[in-house]
Amino acid sequence: MFRLNKLIKSFGSIQNFTNWENDVVKASKPVLVDFYATWCGPCKRLTPILEQKVKEHPNVTLIKIDIDQHEQLANQNNIEVVPTVMLFQNGKKVNNFTGMLPPDQLTKFFEQIPKQ
């Protein structure tokens, strides 16, 4: 069990992220996990874009995880580059990207998420 104290923003519904298994693996709707670092320039630029995209896709929950505060969780997910964004559906990682995507590629990424 991972207690992640300082972290989460959820837009489809508001929740506190307390447990990887419950909040990501067993989630009933798609979960977008943004692994970031506070010192990362591209992460800072990506955050408002992801937040806006998630607002446009209310079936998706966004969870932000600071890799410096949660190294074990980052290591378990093989995070080597930030930002790394992973999409989970039905407990499985189905898509991901690293770095800052151009707007058209980010739109395509979100268009691939099934509406539930």
Protein backbone atom coordinates (compact mmCIF):
# COMPACT_ATOMS: atom_id res chain seq x y z
CA MET A 1 0.00 0.00 0.00
CA PHE A 2 1.34 3.39 -0.96
CA ARG A 3 0.22 6.41 1.02
CA LEU A 4 0.68 9.32 -1.30
CA ASN A 5 0.03 12.42 0.72
CA LYS A 6 0.63 15.45 -1.45
CA LEU A 7 -0.51 14.79 -4.85
CA ILE A 8 -3.70 14.23 -6.52
CA LYS A 9 -6.00 16.10 -8.77
CA SER A 10 -9.00 14.32 -10.15
CA PHE A 11 -11.46 15.95 -12.49
CA GLY A 12 -13.94 13.26 -13.49
CA SER A 13 -14.60 12.95 -9.78
CA ILE A 14 -12.72 14.37 -6.84
CA GLN A 15 -10.83 11.81 -4.85
CA ASN A 16 -7.78 11.44 -2.68
CA PHE A 17 -5.27 8.96 -4.00
CA THR A 18 -4.32 6.60 -1.21
CA ASN A 19 -3.66 3.24 -2.79
CA TRP A 20 -2.29 2.28 -6.23
CA GLU A 21 -4.34 -0.93 -6.29
CA ASN A 22 -7.67 0.74 -5.51
CA ASP A 23 -7.25 4.05 -7.30
CA VAL A 24 -5.53 2.86 -10.47
CA VAL A 25 -5.71 -0.91 -10.91
CA LYS A 26 -9.31 -1.35 -9.70
CA ALA A 27 -10.63 1.97 -11.04
CA SER A 28 -13.96 1.74 -12.85
CA LYS A 29 -13.01 4.36 -15.43
CA PRO A 30 -9.82 5.25 -17.32
CA VAL A 31 -7.04 6.69 -15.16
CA LEU A 32 -4.34 8.96 -16.55
CA VAL A 33 -1.25 8.88 -14.32
CA ASP A 34 1.17 11.78 -14.78
CA PHE A 35 4.59 11.04 -13.28
CA TYR A 36 6.30 14.42 -12.88
CA ALA A 37 8.93 16.32 -10.89
CA THR A 38 8.64 19.82 -9.44
CA TRP A 39 11.99 20.81 -11.03
CA CYS A 40 10.94 19.62 -14.52
CA GLY A 41 10.18 22.45 -16.98
CA PRO A 42 8.26 20.29 -19.49
CA CYS A 43 6.22 18.87 -16.60
CA LYS A 44 5.18 22.36 -15.57
CA ARG A 45 4.12 23.17 -19.14
CA LEU A 46 2.25 19.88 -19.57
CA THR A 47 0.20 20.09 -16.35
CA PRO A 48 -2.32 22.76 -17.40
CA ILE A 49 -2.72 21.13 -20.80
CA LEU A 50 -3.49 17.73 -19.25
CA GLU A 51 -5.86 19.33 -16.76
CA GLN A 52 -7.77 21.03 -19.59
CA LYS A 53 -7.92 17.84 -21.67
CA VAL A 54 -9.24 15.87 -18.70
CA LYS A 55 -11.92 18.50 -18.09
CA GLU A 56 -13.01 17.91 -21.70
CA HIS A 57 -13.08 14.13 -21.06
CA PRO A 58 -15.04 13.68 -17.81
CA ASN A 59 -14.77 9.89 -18.05
CA VAL A 60 -11.02 10.15 -17.30
CA THR A 61 -9.42 10.63 -13.89
CA LEU A 62 -6.06 12.40 -13.73
CA ILE A 63 -3.59 11.47 -11.00
CA LYS A 64 -0.30 13.34 -10.63
CA ILE A 65 2.60 11.60 -8.88
CA ASP A 66 5.78 13.45 -7.89
CA ILE A 67 8.61 10.99 -8.58
CA ASP A 68 10.89 12.58 -5.99
CA GLN A 69 8.37 12.01 -3.21
CA HIS A 70 7.33 8.57 -4.44
CA GLU A 71 10.49 6.94 -5.77
CA GLN A 72 9.35 3.38 -5.07
CA LEU A 73 6.17 3.85 -7.09
CA ALA A 74 8.12 5.49 -9.92
CA ASN A 75 10.62 2.62 -9.93
CA GLN A 76 7.85 0.01 -9.99
CA ASN A 77 6.48 1.70 -13.11
CA ASN A 78 9.94 1.96 -14.73
CA ILE A 79 9.84 5.75 -14.89
CA GLU A 80 13.12 6.96 -16.39
CA VAL A 81 11.98 10.22 -18.00
CA VAL A 82 9.59 12.92 -16.83
CA PRO A 83 7.02 13.75 -17.71
CA THR A 84 5.73 10.24 -18.31
CA VAL A 85 1.99 9.85 -18.72
CA MET A 86 0.35 6.43 -18.55
CA LEU A 87 -3.23 5.52 -19.32
CA PHE A 88 -4.74 2.63 -17.37
CA GLN A 89 -8.01 0.89 -18.19
CA ASN A 90 -9.38 -2.10 -16.32
CA GLY A 91 -6.16 -2.27 -14.33
CA LYS A 92 -3.85 -2.49 -17.31
CA LYS A 93 -1.59 0.09 -18.90
CA VAL A 94 -2.97 0.60 -22.40
CA ASN A 95 -1.05 3.65 -23.61
CA ASN A 96 1.64 6.06 -22.55
CA PHE A 97 3.88 8.87 -23.69
CA THR A 98 6.96 10.66 -22.43
CA GLY A 99 7.92 14.28 -22.79
CA MET A 100 5.90 17.15 -24.17
CA LEU A 101 3.67 16.05 -27.05
CA PRO A 102 2.65 18.54 -29.74
CA PRO A 103 -1.01 19.60 -29.35
CA ASP A 104 -2.24 17.49 -32.28
CA GLN A 105 -0.61 14.32 -30.90
CA LEU A 106 -2.00 14.98 -27.45
CA THR A 107 -5.48 15.39 -28.97
CA LYS A 108 -5.05 12.05 -30.78
CA PHE A 109 -3.93 10.43 -27.52
CA PHE A 110 -7.15 11.55 -25.80
CA GLU A 111 -9.33 10.60 -28.79
CA GLN A 112 -8.15 6.99 -28.38
CA ILE A 113 -9.62 6.79 -24.88
CA PRO A 114 -12.96 5.00 -25.05
CA LYS A 115 -15.95 6.91 -23.74
CA GLN A 116 -17.50 4.97 -20.87
